[in-house]
Amino acid sequence: IKSIQLEQSQQPDAQKRLVVARQFIDCSYEGDLMAKAG
């Protein structure tokens, strides 16, 4: 995983935010990052 793109929860069509990291930890109850990472 090179990066994830974020959207604002209340304004999803507004400007996005990019996060580049060496390691990722999915601590959500839904596993969304895991799923989108294939």
Full PDB file with SEQRES, HELIX, SHEET, SSBOND, CRYST1, ORIGX, SCALE, CONECT and MASTER records, all heavy atoms in Angstrom:
SEQRES   1 A   38  ILE LYS SER ILE GLN LEU GLU GLN SER GLN GLN PRO ASP          
SEQRES   2 A   38  ALA GLN LYS ARG LEU VAL VAL ALA ARG GLN PHE ILE ASP          
SEQRES   3 A   38  CYS SER TYR GLU GLY ASP LEU MET ALA LYS ALA GLY              
HELIX    1 AA1 ASP A   32  LYS A   36  1                                   5    
SHEET    1 AA1 2 SER A   3  LEU A   6  0                                        
SHEET    2 AA1 2 ARG A  17  VAL A  20 -1                                        
CRYST1    1.000    1.000    1.000  90.00  90.00  90.00 P 1           1          
ORIGX1      1.000000  0.000000  0.000000        0.00000                         
ORIGX2      0.000000  1.000000  0.000000        0.00000                         
ORIGX3      0.000000  0.000000  1.000000        0.00000                         
SCALE1      1.000000  0.000000  0.000000        0.00000                         
SCALE2      0.000000  1.000000  0.000000        0.00000                         
SCALE3      0.000000  0.000000  1.000000        0.00000                         
ATOM      1  N   ILE A   1       0.862  -1.178   0.000  1.00  0.00           N  
ATOM      2  CA  ILE A   1       0.000   0.000   0.000  1.00  0.00           C  
ATOM      3  C   ILE A   1       0.903   1.234   0.000  1.00  0.00           C  
ATOM      4  O   ILE A   1       1.712   1.414   0.912  1.00  0.00           O  
ATOM      5  CB  ILE A   1      -0.921   0.032   1.237  1.00  0.00           C  
ATOM      6  CG1 ILE A   1      -1.808  -1.203   1.296  1.00  0.00           C  
ATOM      7  CG2 ILE A   1      -1.779   1.302   1.224  1.00  0.00           C  
ATOM      8  CD1 ILE A   1      -2.647  -1.296   2.567  1.00  0.00           C  
ATOM      9  N   LYS A   2       0.773   2.057  -1.029  1.00  0.00           N  
ATOM     10  CA  LYS A   2       1.591   3.272  -1.105  1.00  0.00           C  
ATOM     11  C   LYS A   2       0.893   4.439  -0.428  1.00  0.00           C  
ATOM     12  O   LYS A   2       1.524   5.236   0.268  1.00  0.00           O  
ATOM     13  CB  LYS A   2       1.900   3.626  -2.556  1.00  0.00           C  
ATOM     14  CG  LYS A   2       2.815   2.635  -3.254  1.00  0.00           C  
ATOM     15  CD  LYS A   2       3.251   3.143  -4.616  1.00  0.00           C  
ATOM     16  CE  LYS A   2       4.164   4.359  -4.494  1.00  0.00           C  
ATOM     17  NZ  LYS A   2       4.694   4.785  -5.814  1.00  0.00           N  
ATOM     18  N   SER A   3      -0.422   4.557  -0.646  1.00  0.00           N  
ATOM     19  CA  SER A   3      -1.150   5.698  -0.089  1.00  0.00           C  
ATOM     20  C   SER A   3      -2.629   5.384  -0.014  1.00  0.00           C  
ATOM     21  O   SER A   3      -3.120   4.450  -0.651  1.00  0.00           O  
ATOM     22  CB  SER A   3      -0.939   6.950  -0.948  1.00  0.00           C  
ATOM     23  OG  SER A   3      -1.484   6.757  -2.252  1.00  0.00           O  
ATOM     24  N   ILE A   4      -3.317   6.150   0.791  1.00  0.00           N  
ATOM     25  CA  ILE A   4      -4.777   6.100   0.806  1.00  0.00           C  
ATOM     26  C   ILE A   4      -5.310   7.513   0.580  1.00  0.00           C  
ATOM     27  O   ILE A   4      -4.692   8.492   1.004  1.00  0.00           O  
ATOM     28  CB  ILE A   4      -5.328   5.523   2.127  1.00  0.00           C  
ATOM     29  CG1 ILE A   4      -4.941   6.392   3.329  1.00  0.00           C  
ATOM     30  CG2 ILE A   4      -4.861   4.097   2.326  1.00  0.00           C  
ATOM     31  CD1 ILE A   4      -5.593   5.958   4.637  1.00  0.00           C  
ATOM     32  N   GLN A   5      -6.409   7.609  -0.116  1.00  0.00           N  
ATOM     33  CA  GLN A   5      -7.061   8.894  -0.333  1.00  0.00           C  
ATOM     34  C   GLN A   5      -8.277   8.987   0.579  1.00  0.00           C  
ATOM     35  O   GLN A   5      -9.070   8.046   0.667  1.00  0.00           O  
ATOM     36  CB  GLN A   5      -7.492   9.059  -1.789  1.00  0.00           C  
ATOM     37  CG  GLN A   5      -8.038  10.447  -2.109  1.00  0.00           C  
ATOM     38  CD  GLN A   5      -8.448  10.593  -3.557  1.00  0.00           C  
ATOM     39  OE1 GLN A   5      -9.394   9.943  -3.989  1.00  0.00           O  
ATOM     40  NE2 GLN A   5      -7.747  11.432  -4.305  1.00  0.00           N  
ATOM     41  N   LEU A   6      -8.396  10.105   1.262  1.00  0.00           N  
ATOM     42  CA  LEU A   6      -9.496  10.325   2.190  1.00  0.00           C  
ATOM     43  C   LEU A   6     -10.458  11.355   1.642  1.00  0.00           C  
ATOM     44  O   LEU A   6     -10.066  12.269   0.898  1.00  0.00           O  
ATOM     45  CB  LEU A   6      -8.953  10.806   3.539  1.00  0.00           C  
ATOM     46  CG  LEU A   6      -7.883   9.954   4.214  1.00  0.00           C  
ATOM     47  CD1 LEU A   6      -7.384  10.642   5.476  1.00  0.00           C  
ATOM     48  CD2 LEU A   6      -8.411   8.562   4.536  1.00  0.00           C  
ATOM     49  N   GLU A   7     -11.718  11.213   2.027  1.00  0.00           N  
ATOM     50  CA  GLU A   7     -12.724  12.223   1.729  1.00  0.00           C  
ATOM     51  C   GLU A   7     -13.353  12.685   3.032  1.00  0.00           C  
ATOM     52  O   GLU A   7     -13.340  11.966   4.035  1.00  0.00           O  
ATOM     53  CB  GLU A   7     -13.803  11.659   0.794  1.00  0.00           C  
ATOM     54  CG  GLU A   7     -14.620  10.522   1.403  1.00  0.00           C  
ATOM     55  CD  GLU A   7     -15.614   9.908   0.432  1.00  0.00           C  
ATOM     56  OE1 GLU A   7     -15.323   9.906  -0.783  1.00  0.00           O  
ATOM     57  OE2 GLU A   7     -16.686   9.441   0.886  1.00  0.00           O  
ATOM     58  N   GLN A   8     -13.887  13.884   3.032  1.00  0.00           N  
ATOM     59  CA  GLN A   8     -14.518  14.410   4.230  1.00  0.00           C  
ATOM     60  C   GLN A   8     -15.858  13.702   4.447  1.00  0.00           C  
ATOM     61  O   GLN A   8     -16.667  13.588   3.520  1.00  0.00           O  
ATOM     62  CB  GLN A   8     -14.720  15.921   4.098  1.00  0.00           C  
ATOM     63  CG  GLN A   8     -13.413  16.689   3.983  1.00  0.00           C  
ATOM     64  CD  GLN A   8     -13.639  18.184   3.842  1.00  0.00           C  
ATOM     65  OE1 GLN A   8     -14.463  18.767   4.551  1.00  0.00           O  
ATOM     66  NE2 GLN A   8     -12.904  18.807   2.927  1.00  0.00           N  
ATOM     67  N   SER A   9     -16.071  13.224   5.651  1.00  0.00           N  
ATOM     68  CA  SER A   9     -17.268  12.433   5.935  1.00  0.00           C  
ATOM     69  C   SER A   9     -18.552  13.212   5.685  1.00  0.00           C  
ATOM     70  O   SER A   9     -19.546  12.654   5.211  1.00  0.00           O  
ATOM     71  CB  SER A   9     -17.236  11.938   7.388  1.00  0.00           C  
ATOM     72  OG  SER A   9     -16.107  11.130   7.619  1.00  0.00           O  
ATOM     73  N   GLN A  10     -18.545  14.505   5.992  1.00  0.00           N  
ATOM     74  CA  GLN A  10     -19.746  15.320   5.826  1.00  0.00           C  
ATOM     75  C   GLN A  10     -19.819  15.990   4.460  1.00  0.00           C  
ATOM     76  O   GLN A  10     -20.885  16.432   4.038  1.00  0.00           O  
ATOM     77  CB  GLN A  10     -19.802  16.385   6.927  1.00  0.00           C  
ATOM     78  CG  GLN A  10     -19.696  15.836   8.340  1.00  0.00           C  
ATOM     79  CD  GLN A  10     -20.725  14.777   8.643  1.00  0.00           C  
ATOM     80  OE1 GLN A  10     -21.887  14.891   8.246  1.00  0.00           O  
ATOM     81  NE2 GLN A  10     -20.318  13.731   9.358  1.00  0.00           N  
ATOM     82  N   GLN A  11     -18.686  16.093   3.773  1.00  0.00           N  
ATOM     83  CA  GLN A  11     -18.635  16.720   2.445  1.00  0.00           C  
ATOM     84  C   GLN A  11     -17.775  15.861   1.517  1.00  0.00           C  
ATOM     85  O   GLN A  11     -16.662  16.245   1.146  1.00  0.00           O  
ATOM     86  CB  GLN A  11     -18.059  18.134   2.534  1.00  0.00           C  
ATOM     87  CG  GLN A  11     -18.909  19.109   3.339  1.00  0.00           C  
ATOM     88  CD  GLN A  11     -18.255  20.483   3.424  1.00  0.00           C  
ATOM     89  OE1 GLN A  11     -17.189  20.651   4.006  1.00  0.00           O  
ATOM     90  NE2 GLN A  11     -18.899  21.466   2.819  1.00  0.00           N  
ATOM     91  N   PRO A  12     -18.286  14.713   1.108  1.00  0.00           N  
ATOM     92  CA  PRO A  12     -17.470  13.785   0.326  1.00  0.00           C  
ATOM     93  C   PRO A  12     -17.012  14.317  -1.023  1.00  0.00           C  
ATOM     94  O   PRO A  12     -16.036  13.811  -1.583  1.00  0.00           O  
ATOM     95  CB  PRO A  12     -18.385  12.562   0.165  1.00  0.00           C  
ATOM     96  CG  PRO A  12     -19.768  13.060   0.437  1.00  0.00           C  
ATOM     97  CD  PRO A  12     -19.623  14.163   1.414  1.00  0.00           C  
ATOM     98  N   ASP A  13     -17.703  15.324  -1.543  1.00  0.00           N  
ATOM     99  CA  ASP A  13     -17.319  15.876  -2.842  1.00  0.00           C  
ATOM    100  C   ASP A  13     -16.300  17.001  -2.724  1.00  0.00           C  
ATOM    101  O   ASP A  13     -15.833  17.524  -3.745  1.00  0.00           O  
ATOM    102  CB  ASP A  13     -18.561  16.394  -3.580  1.00  0.00           C  
ATOM    103  CG  ASP A  13     -19.529  15.271  -3.924  1.00  0.00           C  
ATOM    104  OD1 ASP A  13     -19.048  14.141  -4.168  1.00  0.00           O  
ATOM    105  OD2 ASP A  13     -20.747  15.509  -3.925  1.00  0.00           O  
ATOM    106  N   ALA A  14     -15.963  17.374  -1.502  1.00  0.00           N  
ATOM    107  CA  ALA A  14     -14.981  18.441  -1.292  1.00  0.00           C  
ATOM    108  C   ALA A  14     -13.571  17.898  -1.546  1.00  0.00           C  
ATOM    109  O   ALA A  14     -13.380  16.743  -1.907  1.00  0.00           O  
ATOM    110  CB  ALA A  14     -15.111  18.996   0.120  1.00  0.00           C  
ATOM    111  N   GLN A  15     -12.588  18.750  -1.334  1.00  0.00           N  
ATOM    112  CA  GLN A  15     -11.207  18.383  -1.618  1.00  0.00           C  
ATOM    113  C   GLN A  15     -10.777  17.150  -0.824  1.00  0.00           C  
ATOM    114  O   GLN A  15     -11.052  17.023   0.361  1.00  0.00           O  
ATOM    115  CB  GLN A  15     -10.274  19.550  -1.301  1.00  0.00           C  
ATOM    116  CG  GLN A  15      -8.824  19.310  -1.695  1.00  0.00           C  
ATOM    117  CD  GLN A  15      -7.966  20.543  -1.488  1.00  0.00           C  
ATOM    118  OE1 GLN A  15      -8.456  21.579  -1.063  1.00  0.00           O  
ATOM    119  NE2 GLN A  15      -6.679  20.433  -1.792  1.00  0.00           N  
ATOM    120  N   LYS A  16     -10.091  16.245  -1.503  1.00  0.00           N  
ATOM    121  CA  LYS A  16      -9.620  15.009  -0.885  1.00  0.00           C  
ATOM    122  C   LYS A  16      -8.287  15.248  -0.176  1.00  0.00           C  
ATOM    123  O   LYS A  16      -7.661  16.288  -0.317  1.00  0.00           O  
ATOM    124  CB  LYS A  16      -9.462  13.916  -1.933  1.00  0.00           C  
ATOM    125  CG  LYS A  16     -10.696  13.653  -2.783  1.00  0.00           C  
ATOM    126  CD  LYS A  16     -11.832  13.091  -1.962  1.00  0.00           C  
ATOM    127  CE  LYS A  16     -12.981  12.602  -2.838  1.00  0.00           C  
ATOM    128  NZ  LYS A  16     -13.749  13.691  -3.470  1.00  0.00           N  
ATOM    129  N   ARG A  17      -7.870  14.237   0.581  1.00  0.00           N  
ATOM    130  CA  ARG A  17      -6.597  14.300   1.291  1.00  0.00           C  
ATOM    131  C   ARG A  17      -5.837  13.006   1.070  1.00  0.00           C  
ATOM    132  O   ARG A  17      -6.418  11.921   1.156  1.00  0.00           O  
ATOM    133  CB  ARG A  17      -6.836  14.519   2.787  1.00  0.00           C  
ATOM    134  CG  ARG A  17      -5.572  14.589   3.631  1.00  0.00           C  
ATOM    135  CD  ARG A  17      -5.889  15.007   5.052  1.00  0.00           C  
ATOM    136  NE  ARG A  17      -4.672  15.177   5.852  1.00  0.00           N  
ATOM    137  CZ  ARG A  17      -4.649  15.705   7.065  1.00  0.00           C  
ATOM    138  NH1 ARG A  17      -5.787  16.123   7.626  1.00  0.00           N  
ATOM    139  NH2 ARG A  17      -3.521  15.833   7.724  1.00  0.00           N  
ATOM    140  N   LEU A  18      -4.557  13.099   0.768  1.00  0.00           N  
ATOM    141  CA  LEU A  18      -3.732  11.932   0.510  1.00  0.00           C  
ATOM    142  C   LEU A  18      -2.841  11.641   1.710  1.00  0.00           C  
ATOM    143  O   LEU A  18      -2.234  12.549   2.276  1.00  0.00           O  
ATOM    144  CB  LEU A  18      -2.858  12.164  -0.729  1.00  0.00           C  
ATOM    145  CG  LEU A  18      -2.130  10.925  -1.293  1.00  0.00           C  
ATOM    146  CD1 LEU A  18      -3.144   9.964  -1.910  1.00  0.00           C  
ATOM    147  CD2 LEU A  18      -1.094  11.349  -2.327  1.00  0.00           C  
ATOM    148  N   VAL A  19      -2.786  10.376   2.107  1.00  0.00           N  
ATOM    149  CA  VAL A  19      -1.914   9.951   3.191  1.00  0.00           C  
ATOM    150  C   VAL A  19      -0.966   8.889   2.651  1.00  0.00           C  
ATOM    151  O   VAL A  19      -1.411   7.836   2.162  1.00  0.00           O  
ATOM    152  CB  VAL A  19      -2.706   9.379   4.385  1.00  0.00           C  
ATOM    153  CG1 VAL A  19      -1.747   8.863   5.459  1.00  0.00           C  
ATOM    154  CG2 VAL A  19      -3.636  10.433   4.965  1.00  0.00           C  
ATOM    155  N   VAL A  20       0.330   9.169   2.706  1.00  0.00           N  
ATOM    156  CA  VAL A  20       1.359   8.225   2.285  1.00  0.00           C  
ATOM    157  C   VAL A  20       2.051   7.705   3.533  1.00  0.00           C  
ATOM    158  O   VAL A  20       2.493   8.490   4.374  1.00  0.00           O  
ATOM    159  CB  VAL A  20       2.384   8.898   1.350  1.00  0.00           C  
ATOM    160  CG1 VAL A  20       3.400   7.871   0.845  1.00  0.00           C  
ATOM    161  CG2 VAL A  20       1.685   9.576   0.182  1.00  0.00           C  
ATOM    162  N   ALA A  21       2.144   6.403   3.673  1.00  0.00           N  
ATOM    163  CA  ALA A  21       2.727   5.822   4.886  1.00  0.00           C  
ATOM    164  C   ALA A  21       3.499   4.561   4.555  1.00  0.00           C  
ATOM    165  O   ALA A  21       3.290   3.925   3.518  1.00  0.00           O  
ATOM    166  CB  ALA A  21       1.640   5.522   5.913  1.00  0.00           C  
ATOM    167  N   ARG A  22       4.391   4.200   5.471  1.00  0.00           N  
ATOM    168  CA  ARG A  22       5.172   2.975   5.303  1.00  0.00           C  
ATOM    169  C   ARG A  22       4.389   1.749   5.776  1.00  0.00           C  
ATOM    170  O   ARG A  22       4.496   0.676   5.192  1.00  0.00           O  
ATOM    171  CB  ARG A  22       6.495   3.104   6.071  1.00  0.00           C  
ATOM    172  CG  ARG A  22       7.418   4.165   5.475  1.00  0.00           C  
ATOM    173  CD  ARG A  22       8.742   4.264   6.239  1.00  0.00           C  
ATOM    174  NE  ARG A  22       9.655   5.162   5.552  1.00  0.00           N  
ATOM    175  CZ  ARG A  22       9.679   6.488   5.696  1.00  0.00           C  
ATOM    176  NH1 ARG A  22       8.834   7.059   6.539  1.00  0.00           N  
ATOM    177  NH2 ARG A  22      10.525   7.225   5.012  1.00  0.00           N  
ATOM    178  N   GLN A  23       3.640   1.932   6.841  1.00  0.00           N  
ATOM    179  CA  GLN A  23       2.830   0.843   7.376  1.00  0.00           C  
ATOM    180  C   GLN A  23       1.419   1.345   7.643  1.00  0.00           C  
ATOM    181  O   GLN A  23       1.228   2.499   8.049  1.00  0.00           O  
ATOM    182  CB  GLN A  23       3.427   0.295   8.670  1.00  0.00           C  
ATOM    183  CG  GLN A  23       4.696  -0.532   8.486  1.00  0.00           C  
ATOM    184  CD  GLN A  23       4.448  -1.887   7.877  1.00  0.00           C  
ATOM    185  OE1 GLN A  23       3.379  -2.481   8.083  1.00  0.00           O  
ATOM    186  NE2 GLN A  23       5.420  -2.398   7.137  1.00  0.00           N  
ATOM    187  N   PHE A  24       0.442   0.461   7.441  1.00  0.00           N  
ATOM    188  CA  PHE A  24      -0.965   0.790   7.666  1.00  0.00           C  
ATOM    189  C   PHE A  24      -1.565  -0.222   8.641  1.00  0.00           C  
ATOM    190  O   PHE A  24      -1.231  -1.414   8.605  1.00  0.00           O  
ATOM    191  CB  PHE A  24      -1.753   0.762   6.355  1.00  0.00           C  
ATOM    192  CG  PHE A  24      -1.355   1.849   5.386  1.00  0.00           C  
ATOM    193  CD1 PHE A  24      -0.261   1.688   4.549  1.00  0.00           C  
ATOM    194  CD2 PHE A  24      -2.077   3.035   5.326  1.00  0.00           C  
ATOM    195  CE1 PHE A  24       0.106   2.683   3.660  1.00  0.00           C  
ATOM    196  CE2 PHE A  24      -1.707   4.035   4.445  1.00  0.00           C  
ATOM    197  CZ  PHE A  24      -0.610   3.863   3.606  1.00  0.00           C  
ATOM    198  N   ILE A  25      -2.429   0.280   9.507  1.00  0.00           N  
ATOM    199  CA  ILE A  25      -3.138  -0.579  10.459  1.00  0.00           C  
ATOM    200  C   ILE A  25      -4.628  -0.270  10.347  1.00  0.00           C  
ATOM    201  O   ILE A  25      -5.044   0.872  10.566  1.00  0.00           O  
ATOM    202  CB  ILE A  25      -2.664  -0.343  11.903  1.00  0.00           C  
ATOM    203  CG1 ILE A  25      -1.137  -0.514  12.009  1.00  0.00           C  
ATOM    204  CG2 ILE A  25      -3.361  -1.308  12.861  1.00  0.00           C  
ATOM    205  CD1 ILE A  25      -0.578  -0.190  13.388  1.00  0.00           C  
ATOM    206  N   ASP A  26      -5.418  -1.258   9.974  1.00  0.00           N  
ATOM    207  CA  ASP A  26      -6.871  -1.074   9.854  1.00  0.00           C  
ATOM    208  C   ASP A  26      -7.519  -1.444  11.180  1.00  0.00           C  
ATOM    209  O   ASP A  26      -7.662  -2.617  11.519  1.00  0.00           O  
ATOM    210  CB  ASP A  26      -7.428  -1.944   8.730  1.00  0.00           C  
ATOM    211  CG  ASP A  26      -8.907  -1.665   8.458  1.00  0.00           C  
ATOM    212  OD1 ASP A  26      -9.542  -0.955   9.266  1.00  0.00           O  
ATOM    213  OD2 ASP A  26      -9.428  -2.160   7.445  1.00  0.00           O  
ATOM    214  N   CYS A  27      -7.914  -0.424  11.929  1.00  0.00           N  
ATOM    215  CA  CYS A  27      -8.567  -0.631  13.229  1.00  0.00           C  
ATOM    216  C   CYS A  27     -10.050  -0.304  13.184  1.00  0.00           C  
ATOM    217  O   CYS A  27     -10.684  -0.133  14.228  1.00  0.00           O  
ATOM    218  CB  CYS A  27      -7.876   0.215  14.301  1.00  0.00           C  
ATOM    219  SG  CYS A  27      -6.224  -0.361  14.720  1.00  0.00           S  
ATOM    220  N   SER A  28     -10.622  -0.213  12.000  1.00  0.00           N  
ATOM    221  CA  SER A  28     -12.052   0.054  11.885  1.00  0.00           C  
ATOM    222  C   SER A  28     -12.846  -1.199  12.221  1.00  0.00           C  
ATOM    223  O   SER A  28     -12.355  -2.325  12.099  1.00  0.00           O  
ATOM    224  CB  SER A  28     -12.395   0.517  10.466  1.00  0.00           C  
ATOM    225  OG  SER A  28     -12.180  -0.531   9.526  1.00  0.00           O  
ATOM    226  N   TYR A  29     -14.094  -0.997  12.645  1.00  0.00           N  
ATOM    227  CA  TYR A  29     -14.970  -2.132  12.925  1.00  0.00           C  
ATOM    228  C   TYR A  29     -15.449  -2.800  11.632  1.00  0.00           C  
ATOM    229  O   TYR A  29     -15.926  -3.932  11.663  1.00  0.00           O  
ATOM    230  CB  TYR A  29     -16.188  -1.678  13.730  1.00  0.00           C  
ATOM    231  CG  TYR A  29     -15.875  -1.236  15.140  1.00  0.00           C  
ATOM    232  CD1 TYR A  29     -16.202   0.046  15.583  1.00  0.00           C  
ATOM    233  CD2 TYR A  29     -15.248  -2.088  16.036  1.00  0.00           C  
ATOM    234  CE1 TYR A  29     -15.925   0.463  16.882  1.00  0.00           C  
ATOM    235  CE2 TYR A  29     -14.957  -1.690  17.335  1.00  0.00           C  
ATOM    236  CZ  TYR A  29     -15.299  -0.406  17.753  1.00  0.00           C  
ATOM    237  OH  TYR A  29     -15.017  -0.004  19.044  1.00  0.00           O  
ATOM    238  N   GLU A  30     -15.330  -2.074  10.516  1.00  0.00           N  
ATOM    239  CA  GLU A  30     -15.863  -2.570   9.248  1.00  0.00           C  
ATOM    240  C   GLU A  30     -14.809  -3.218   8.358  1.00  0.00           C  
ATOM    241  O   GLU A  30     -15.147  -3.934   7.417  1.00  0.00           O  
ATOM    242  CB  GLU A  30     -16.540  -1.430   8.479  1.00  0.00           C  
ATOM    243  CG  GLU A  30     -17.762  -0.859   9.164  1.00  0.00           C  
ATOM    244  CD  GLU A  30     -17.445   0.182  10.240  1.00  0.00           C  
ATOM    245  OE1 GLU A  30     -16.255   0.553  10.373  1.00  0.00           O  
ATOM    246  OE2 GLU A  30     -18.372   0.626  10.928  1.00  0.00           O  
ATOM    247  N   GLY A  31     -13.524  -2.930   8.579  1.00  0.00           N  
ATOM    248  CA  GLY A  31     -12.474  -3.487   7.731  1.00  0.00           C  
ATOM    249  C   GLY A  31     -12.426  -2.866   6.352  1.00  0.00           C  
ATOM    250  O   GLY A  31     -12.079  -3.541   5.371  1.00  0.00           O  
ATOM    251  N   ASP A  32     -12.722  -1.578   6.253  1.00  0.00           N  
ATOM    252  CA  ASP A  32     -12.779  -0.932   4.936  1.00  0.00           C  
ATOM    253  C   ASP A  32     -11.419  -0.834   4.264  1.00  0.00           C  
ATOM    254  O   ASP A  32     -11.305  -1.035   3.046  1.00  0.00           O  
ATOM    255  CB  ASP A  32     -13.388   0.474   5.073  1.00  0.00           C  
ATOM    256  CG  ASP A  32     -14.883   0.439   5.323  1.00  0.00           C  
ATOM    257  OD1 ASP A  32     -15.505  -0.605   5.040  1.00  0.00           O  
ATOM    258  OD2 ASP A  32     -15.438   1.444   5.795  1.00  0.00           O  
ATOM    259  N   LEU A  33     -10.380  -0.497   5.019  1.00  0.00           N  
ATOM    260  CA  LEU A  33      -9.045  -0.400   4.427  1.00  0.00           C  
ATOM    261  C   LEU A  33      -8.580  -1.769   3.951  1.00  0.00           C  
ATOM    262  O   LEU A  33      -8.031  -1.913   2.845  1.00  0.00           O  
ATOM    263  CB  LEU A  33      -8.063   0.187   5.441  1.00  0.00           C  
ATOM    264  CG  LEU A  33      -6.585   0.257   5.030  1.00  0.00           C  
ATOM    265  CD1 LEU A  33      -6.405   0.986   3.704  1.00  0.00           C  
ATOM    266  CD2 LEU A  33      -5.764   0.927   6.128  1.00  0.00           C  
ATOM    267  N   MET A  34      -8.793  -2.764   4.754  1.00  0.00           N  
ATOM    268  CA  MET A  34      -8.463  -4.137   4.372  1.00  0.00           C  
ATOM    269  C   MET A  34      -9.125  -4.508   3.048  1.00  0.00           C  
ATOM    270  O   MET A  34      -8.478  -5.035   2.134  1.00  0.00           O  
ATOM    271  CB  MET A  34      -8.918  -5.084   5.480  1.00  0.00           C  
ATOM    272  CG  MET A  34      -8.878  -6.560   5.120  1.00  0.00           C  
ATOM    273  SD  MET A  34      -9.742  -7.598   6.331  1.00  0.00           S  
ATOM    274  CE  MET A  34     -11.465  -7.161   6.020  1.00  0.00           C  
ATOM    275  N   ALA A  35     -10.412  -4.223   2.929  1.00  0.00           N  
ATOM    276  CA  ALA A  35     -11.164  -4.603   1.735  1.00  0.00           C  
ATOM    277  C   ALA A  35     -10.671  -3.850   0.501  1.00  0.00           C  
ATOM    278  O   ALA A  35     -10.464  -4.444  -0.563  1.00  0.00           O  
ATOM    279  CB  ALA A  35     -12.652  -4.355   1.959  1.00  0.00           C  
ATOM    280  N   LYS A  36     -10.477  -2.542   0.638  1.00  0.00           N  
ATOM    281  CA  LYS A  36     -10.043  -1.744  -0.511  1.00  0.00           C  
ATOM    282  C   LYS A  36      -8.597  -2.048  -0.900  1.00  0.00           C  
ATOM    283  O   LYS A  36      -8.167  -1.740  -2.017  1.00  0.00           O  
ATOM    284  CB  LYS A  36     -10.225  -0.255  -0.222  1.00  0.00           C  
ATOM    285  CG  LYS A  36     -11.676   0.216  -0.284  1.00  0.00           C  
ATOM    286  CD  LYS A  36     -11.785   1.725  -0.147  1.00  0.00           C  
ATOM    287  CE  LYS A  36     -13.234   2.195  -0.238  1.00  0.00           C  
ATOM    288  NZ  LYS A  36     -13.801   1.996  -1.589  1.00  0.00           N  
ATOM    289  N   ALA A  37      -7.840  -2.660   0.012  1.00  0.00           N  
ATOM    290  CA  ALA A  37      -6.469  -3.048  -0.299  1.00  0.00           C  
ATOM    291  C   ALA A  37      -6.404  -4.402  -1.000  1.00  0.00           C  
ATOM    292  O   ALA A  37      -5.313  -4.901  -1.300  1.00  0.00           O  
ATOM    293  CB  ALA A  37      -5.633  -3.082   0.981  1.00  0.00           C  
ATOM    294  N   GLY A  38      -7.558  -5.000  -1.262  1.00  0.00           N  
ATOM    295  CA  GLY A  38      -7.587  -6.261  -1.992  1.00  0.00           C  
ATOM    296  C   GLY A  38      -7.270  -7.480  -1.162  1.00  0.00           C  
ATOM    297  O   GLY A  38      -6.865  -8.522  -1.692  1.00  0.00           O  
TER     298      GLY A  38                                                      
MASTER        0    0    0    1    2    0    0    6  297    1    0    3          
END                                                                             
